[in-house]
Amino acid sequence: MIEVYGIPNCDTVKKARVWLTDNNIEFTFQDFKKITVETATIQNWIDAFGLDVVINKRGTTWRKLSDDEKALCESADTVIPLILSNLSMVKRPILVQDGKAVLIGFKAEDWAKYFQ
């Protein structure tokens, strides 16, 4: 089972979804705006990719955080509640296969290599 987490109007997420469809890979889309993400799921992403990769420091959500909130992003223990209340601060898309986070962001060559 493949799940793609993200926001539907994100250009990178759109590209990933089109790529999966064009390559006949079945998936379920998990819209950050419509689902509840559990603490364990966020921890899974951090364990798989590292905190610095999971947090999108190039996005508008990051820029809108206060300095105190940004300071919370130094540790998984303190950042998870912040992520849960601001899912758009997560780099997208995240591809999860059989419950395990395997890819983050979208580069067609990386996805093609993974699905060989």
N, C-alpha and C. Protein backbone atom coordinates (compact mmCIF):
# COMPACT_ATOMS: atom_id res chain seq x y z
N MET A 1 0.84 -1.18 0.00
CA MET A 1 0.00 0.00 0.00
C MET A 1 0.88 1.24 0.00
N ILE A 2 0.61 2.15 -0.92
CA ILE A 2 1.39 3.38 -1.05
C ILE A 2 0.50 4.56 -0.71
N GLU A 3 1.01 5.43 0.14
CA GLU A 3 0.32 6.66 0.50
C GLU A 3 1.24 7.83 0.17
N VAL A 4 0.64 8.90 -0.31
CA VAL A 4 1.37 10.13 -0.57
C VAL A 4 0.75 11.21 0.31
N TYR A 5 1.57 11.81 1.16
CA TYR A 5 1.11 12.87 2.05
C TYR A 5 1.51 14.22 1.48
N GLY A 6 0.59 15.17 1.55
CA GLY A 6 0.91 16.50 1.07
C GLY A 6 -0.31 17.39 1.01
N ILE A 7 -0.17 18.45 0.23
CA ILE A 7 -1.22 19.44 0.03
C ILE A 7 -1.53 19.44 -1.47
N PRO A 8 -2.81 19.33 -1.85
CA PRO A 8 -3.13 19.14 -3.27
C PRO A 8 -2.70 20.29 -4.19
N ASN A 9 -2.64 21.51 -3.69
CA ASN A 9 -2.28 22.62 -4.57
C ASN A 9 -0.78 22.90 -4.61
N CYS A 10 0.01 22.09 -3.93
CA CYS A 10 1.48 22.21 -3.96
C CYS A 10 1.98 21.68 -5.30
N ASP A 11 2.76 22.48 -6.02
CA ASP A 11 3.26 22.08 -7.34
C ASP A 11 4.08 20.79 -7.28
N THR A 12 4.90 20.63 -6.26
CA THR A 12 5.73 19.43 -6.14
C THR A 12 4.87 18.20 -5.90
N VAL A 13 3.86 18.34 -5.09
CA VAL A 13 2.93 17.23 -4.84
C VAL A 13 2.18 16.88 -6.13
N LYS A 14 1.76 17.89 -6.87
CA LYS A 14 1.08 17.65 -8.15
C LYS A 14 1.98 16.84 -9.08
N LYS A 15 3.24 17.23 -9.19
CA LYS A 15 4.18 16.51 -10.06
C LYS A 15 4.33 15.05 -9.63
N ALA A 16 4.43 14.83 -8.33
CA ALA A 16 4.57 13.47 -7.82
C ALA A 16 3.34 12.63 -8.13
N ARG A 17 2.18 13.19 -7.93
CA ARG A 17 0.94 12.46 -8.19
C ARG A 17 0.80 12.12 -9.68
N VAL A 18 1.15 13.06 -10.54
CA VAL A 18 1.11 12.81 -11.98
C VAL A 18 2.11 11.72 -12.34
N TRP A 19 3.31 11.79 -11.77
CA TRP A 19 4.34 10.79 -12.05
C TRP A 19 3.85 9.40 -11.65
N LEU A 20 3.28 9.28 -10.48
CA LEU A 20 2.77 7.98 -10.03
C LEU A 20 1.68 7.47 -10.97
N THR A 21 0.76 8.33 -11.34
CA THR A 21 -0.32 7.95 -12.25
C THR A 21 0.23 7.54 -13.61
N ASP A 22 1.15 8.34 -14.15
CA ASP A 22 1.75 8.03 -15.46
C ASP A 22 2.52 6.72 -15.45
N ASN A 23 3.02 6.32 -14.28
CA ASN A 23 3.78 5.08 -14.16
C ASN A 23 2.93 3.93 -13.62
N ASN A 24 1.61 4.12 -13.64
CA ASN A 24 0.66 3.08 -13.23
C ASN A 24 0.93 2.54 -11.83
N ILE A 25 1.26 3.43 -10.93
CA ILE A 25 1.49 3.05 -9.54
C ILE A 25 0.28 3.52 -8.73
N GLU A 26 -0.42 2.56 -8.15
CA GLU A 26 -1.60 2.90 -7.35
C GLU A 26 -1.17 3.49 -6.01
N PHE A 27 -1.89 4.52 -5.59
CA PHE A 27 -1.58 5.18 -4.33
C PHE A 27 -2.82 5.83 -3.77
N THR A 28 -2.76 6.13 -2.50
CA THR A 28 -3.80 6.89 -1.82
C THR A 28 -3.20 8.23 -1.44
N PHE A 29 -3.92 9.31 -1.73
CA PHE A 29 -3.43 10.64 -1.38
C PHE A 29 -3.96 11.04 -0.01
N GLN A 30 -3.07 11.46 0.86
CA GLN A 30 -3.43 11.91 2.21
C GLN A 30 -3.24 13.43 2.27
N ASP A 31 -4.33 14.15 2.24
CA ASP A 31 -4.32 15.61 2.21
C ASP A 31 -4.14 16.15 3.63
N PHE A 32 -3.03 16.85 3.85
CA PHE A 32 -2.75 17.44 5.16
C PHE A 32 -3.90 18.30 5.67
N LYS A 33 -4.65 18.88 4.78
CA LYS A 33 -5.74 19.78 5.17
C LYS A 33 -6.99 19.01 5.62
N LYS A 34 -7.03 17.70 5.32
CA LYS A 34 -8.25 16.94 5.60
C LYS A 34 -8.06 15.77 6.55
N ILE A 35 -6.83 15.45 6.90
CA ILE A 35 -6.60 14.29 7.76
C ILE A 35 -6.01 14.72 9.09
N THR A 36 -6.07 13.82 10.04
CA THR A 36 -5.39 14.00 11.31
C THR A 36 -4.14 13.13 11.27
N VAL A 37 -2.99 13.74 11.49
CA VAL A 37 -1.73 13.01 11.50
C VAL A 37 -1.35 12.74 12.94
N GLU A 38 -0.98 11.51 13.22
CA GLU A 38 -0.63 11.10 14.58
C GLU A 38 0.83 11.45 14.90
N THR A 39 1.12 11.59 16.18
CA THR A 39 2.48 11.85 16.65
C THR A 39 3.44 10.77 16.14
N ALA A 40 3.01 9.52 16.17
CA ALA A 40 3.87 8.42 15.73
C ALA A 40 4.22 8.54 14.24
N THR A 41 3.31 9.08 13.46
CA THR A 41 3.58 9.27 12.03
C THR A 41 4.67 10.31 11.83
N ILE A 42 4.56 11.42 12.53
CA ILE A 42 5.59 12.47 12.44
C ILE A 42 6.93 11.91 12.90
N GLN A 43 6.93 11.15 13.98
CA GLN A 43 8.17 10.56 14.49
C GLN A 43 8.77 9.61 13.45
N ASN A 44 7.92 8.84 12.77
CA ASN A 44 8.36 7.95 11.70
C ASN A 44 9.09 8.74 10.61
N TRP A 45 8.52 9.89 10.22
CA TRP A 45 9.14 10.72 9.19
C TRP A 45 10.48 11.27 9.66
N ILE A 46 10.54 11.71 10.90
CA ILE A 46 11.80 12.25 11.44
C ILE A 46 12.85 11.15 11.53
N ASP A 47 12.44 9.96 11.97
CA ASP A 47 13.37 8.83 12.05
C ASP A 47 13.90 8.46 10.66
N ALA A 48 13.04 8.52 9.66
CA ALA A 48 13.42 8.10 8.31
C ALA A 48 14.32 9.12 7.60
N PHE A 49 14.05 10.40 7.78
CA PHE A 49 14.72 11.42 6.98
C PHE A 49 15.57 12.41 7.77
N GLY A 50 15.33 12.48 9.07
CA GLY A 50 16.02 13.47 9.89
C GLY A 50 15.20 14.74 10.01
N LEU A 51 15.32 15.38 11.13
CA LEU A 51 14.54 16.57 11.43
C LEU A 51 14.80 17.69 10.43
N ASP A 52 16.06 17.89 10.05
CA ASP A 52 16.40 18.97 9.12
C ASP A 52 15.78 18.79 7.75
N VAL A 53 15.52 17.55 7.35
CA VAL A 53 14.90 17.29 6.05
C VAL A 53 13.38 17.43 6.14
N VAL A 54 12.80 16.96 7.22
CA VAL A 54 11.34 16.97 7.36
C VAL A 54 10.80 18.40 7.42
N ILE A 55 11.50 19.28 8.08
CA ILE A 55 11.03 20.66 8.20
C ILE A 55 11.45 21.44 6.96
N ASN A 56 10.47 22.01 6.29
CA ASN A 56 10.72 22.81 5.09
C ASN A 56 11.03 24.24 5.50
N LYS A 57 12.30 24.56 5.57
CA LYS A 57 12.72 25.89 6.00
C LYS A 57 12.70 26.90 4.85
N ARG A 58 12.24 26.47 3.68
CA ARG A 58 12.16 27.38 2.54
C ARG A 58 10.73 27.85 2.28
N GLY A 59 9.78 27.33 3.04
CA GLY A 59 8.38 27.65 2.80
C GLY A 59 7.87 28.84 3.58
N THR A 60 6.68 29.29 3.21
CA THR A 60 6.08 30.44 3.88
C THR A 60 5.70 30.14 5.33
N THR A 61 5.34 28.90 5.61
CA THR A 61 4.98 28.56 7.00
C THR A 61 6.17 28.77 7.91
N TRP A 62 7.36 28.34 7.47
CA TRP A 62 8.57 28.53 8.27
C TRP A 62 8.83 30.02 8.50
N ARG A 63 8.70 30.80 7.46
CA ARG A 63 8.99 32.24 7.58
C ARG A 63 8.02 32.93 8.53
N LYS A 64 6.82 32.39 8.66
CA LYS A 64 5.82 33.00 9.54
C LYS A 64 5.99 32.60 11.01
N LEU A 65 6.82 31.59 11.28
CA LEU A 65 7.01 31.17 12.68
C LEU A 65 7.79 32.23 13.45
N SER A 66 7.46 32.34 14.73
CA SER A 66 8.21 33.25 15.60
C SER A 66 9.58 32.64 15.89
N ASP A 67 10.49 33.44 16.41
CA ASP A 67 11.82 32.93 16.77
C ASP A 67 11.71 31.85 17.83
N ASP A 68 10.76 32.01 18.76
CA ASP A 68 10.57 30.99 19.80
C ASP A 68 10.09 29.67 19.18
N GLU A 69 9.19 29.76 18.20
CA GLU A 69 8.72 28.54 17.53
C GLU A 69 9.84 27.89 16.73
N LYS A 70 10.64 28.69 16.05
CA LYS A 70 11.77 28.15 15.29
C LYS A 70 12.75 27.44 16.22
N ALA A 71 12.92 27.96 17.43
CA ALA A 71 13.81 27.33 18.40
C ALA A 71 13.31 25.94 18.80
N LEU A 72 12.01 25.73 18.77
CA LEU A 72 11.44 24.42 19.09
C LEU A 72 11.84 23.36 18.06
N CYS A 73 12.27 23.81 16.89
CA CYS A 73 12.59 22.90 15.78
C CYS A 73 13.97 22.26 15.91
N GLU A 74 14.65 22.50 16.99
CA GLU A 74 15.98 21.93 17.21
C GLU A 74 15.91 20.50 17.72
N SER A 75 14.76 20.09 18.24
CA SER A 75 14.63 18.76 18.84
C SER A 75 13.31 18.13 18.44
N ALA A 76 13.35 16.84 18.15
CA ALA A 76 12.12 16.12 17.80
C ALA A 76 11.11 16.16 18.95
N ASP A 77 11.59 16.17 20.17
CA ASP A 77 10.69 16.18 21.33
C ASP A 77 9.84 17.45 21.37
N THR A 78 10.43 18.57 21.00
CA THR A 78 9.70 19.83 21.08
C THR A 78 9.03 20.24 19.77
N VAL A 79 9.50 19.69 18.66
CA VAL A 79 8.96 20.13 17.37
C VAL A 79 7.68 19.39 16.98
N ILE A 80 7.49 18.19 17.45
CA ILE A 80 6.32 17.41 17.00
C ILE A 80 5.00 18.13 17.28
N PRO A 81 4.76 18.67 18.46
CA PRO A 81 3.50 19.41 18.66
C PRO A 81 3.36 20.60 17.70
N LEU A 82 4.47 21.26 17.41
CA LEU A 82 4.44 22.39 16.48
C LEU A 82 4.09 21.91 15.07
N ILE A 83 4.69 20.80 14.65
CA ILE A 83 4.37 20.23 13.33
C ILE A 83 2.90 19.83 13.26
N LEU A 84 2.40 19.20 14.31
CA LEU A 84 1.01 18.76 14.31
C LEU A 84 0.04 19.92 14.14
N SER A 85 0.41 21.10 14.62
CA SER A 85 -0.46 22.26 14.47
C SER A 85 -0.14 23.07 13.21
N ASN A 86 0.95 22.71 12.51
CA ASN A 86 1.37 23.42 11.29
C ASN A 86 1.90 22.42 10.27
N LEU A 87 1.06 21.50 9.81
CA LEU A 87 1.54 20.45 8.90
C LEU A 87 2.15 20.99 7.62
N SER A 88 1.78 22.20 7.26
CA SER A 88 2.34 22.76 6.03
C SER A 88 3.82 23.12 6.16
N MET A 89 4.38 23.00 7.36
CA MET A 89 5.82 23.23 7.53
C MET A 89 6.65 21.98 7.17
N VAL A 90 5.97 20.89 6.83
CA VAL A 90 6.63 19.64 6.47
C VAL A 90 6.96 19.67 4.98
N LYS A 91 8.17 19.23 4.64
CA LYS A 91 8.55 19.10 3.23
C LYS A 91 7.63 18.07 2.58
N ARG A 92 7.23 18.35 1.34
CA ARG A 92 6.28 17.49 0.67
C ARG A 92 6.73 17.18 -0.74
N PRO A 93 6.20 16.10 -1.26
CA PRO A 93 5.36 15.07 -0.65
C PRO A 93 6.20 14.08 0.15
N ILE A 94 5.51 13.33 0.96
CA ILE A 94 6.13 12.20 1.66
C ILE A 94 5.46 10.94 1.14
N LEU A 95 6.27 10.02 0.67
CA LEU A 95 5.76 8.75 0.16
C LEU A 95 5.98 7.69 1.22
N VAL A 96 4.91 7.02 1.58
CA VAL A 96 4.94 5.98 2.60
C VAL A 96 4.49 4.68 1.94
N GLN A 97 5.29 3.65 2.13
CA GLN A 97 4.91 2.34 1.59
C GLN A 97 4.85 1.35 2.74
N ASP A 98 3.70 0.70 2.86
CA ASP A 98 3.46 -0.28 3.92
C ASP A 98 3.81 0.27 5.30
N GLY A 99 3.42 1.52 5.53
CA GLY A 99 3.62 2.14 6.83
C GLY A 99 5.00 2.72 7.08
N LYS A 100 5.90 2.60 6.12
CA LYS A 100 7.27 3.09 6.30
C LYS A 100 7.51 4.26 5.34
N ALA A 101 7.97 5.39 5.89
CA ALA A 101 8.30 6.55 5.07
C ALA A 101 9.55 6.24 4.27
N VAL A 102 9.45 6.37 2.93
CA VAL A 102 10.57 5.96 2.06
C VAL A 102 11.12 7.08 1.19
N LEU A 103 10.32 8.08 0.85
CA LEU A 103 10.78 9.19 0.03
C LEU A 103 10.18 10.50 0.54
N ILE A 104 10.95 11.57 0.42
CA ILE A 104 10.43 12.90 0.77
C ILE A 104 10.88 13.87 -0.30
N GLY A 105 9.97 14.78 -0.66
CA GLY A 105 10.24 15.65 -1.79
C GLY A 105 10.03 14.87 -3.07
N PHE A 106 10.16 15.54 -4.21
CA PHE A 106 9.98 14.81 -5.47
C PHE A 106 11.07 15.15 -6.46
N LYS A 107 11.78 14.12 -6.84
CA LYS A 107 12.70 14.16 -7.97
C LYS A 107 12.39 12.90 -8.77
N ALA A 108 11.97 13.06 -10.01
CA ALA A 108 11.53 11.93 -10.82
C ALA A 108 12.57 10.81 -10.86
N GLU A 109 13.85 11.17 -10.98
CA GLU A 109 14.89 10.13 -11.06
C GLU A 109 14.99 9.33 -9.76
N ASP A 110 14.80 9.99 -8.61
CA ASP A 110 14.84 9.26 -7.33
C ASP A 110 13.63 8.34 -7.19
N TRP A 111 12.48 8.80 -7.59
CA TRP A 111 11.29 7.99 -7.51
C TRP A 111 11.37 6.81 -8.48
N ALA A 112 11.89 7.06 -9.68
CA ALA A 112 12.03 5.98 -10.66
C ALA A 112 12.98 4.92 -10.13
N LYS A 113 14.06 5.36 -9.51
CA LYS A 113 15.03 4.40 -8.95
C LYS A 113 14.37 3.58 -7.84
N TYR A 114 13.61 4.23 -6.98
CA TYR A 114 12.95 3.51 -5.90
C TYR A 114 11.98 2.45 -6.43
N PHE A 115 11.26 2.76 -7.48
CA PHE A 115 10.23 1.85 -7.99
C PHE A 115 10.74 0.87 -9.03
N GLN A 116 12.05 0.80 -9.29
CA GLN A 116 12.59 -0.17 -10.25
C GLN A 116 12.27 -1.57 -9.85
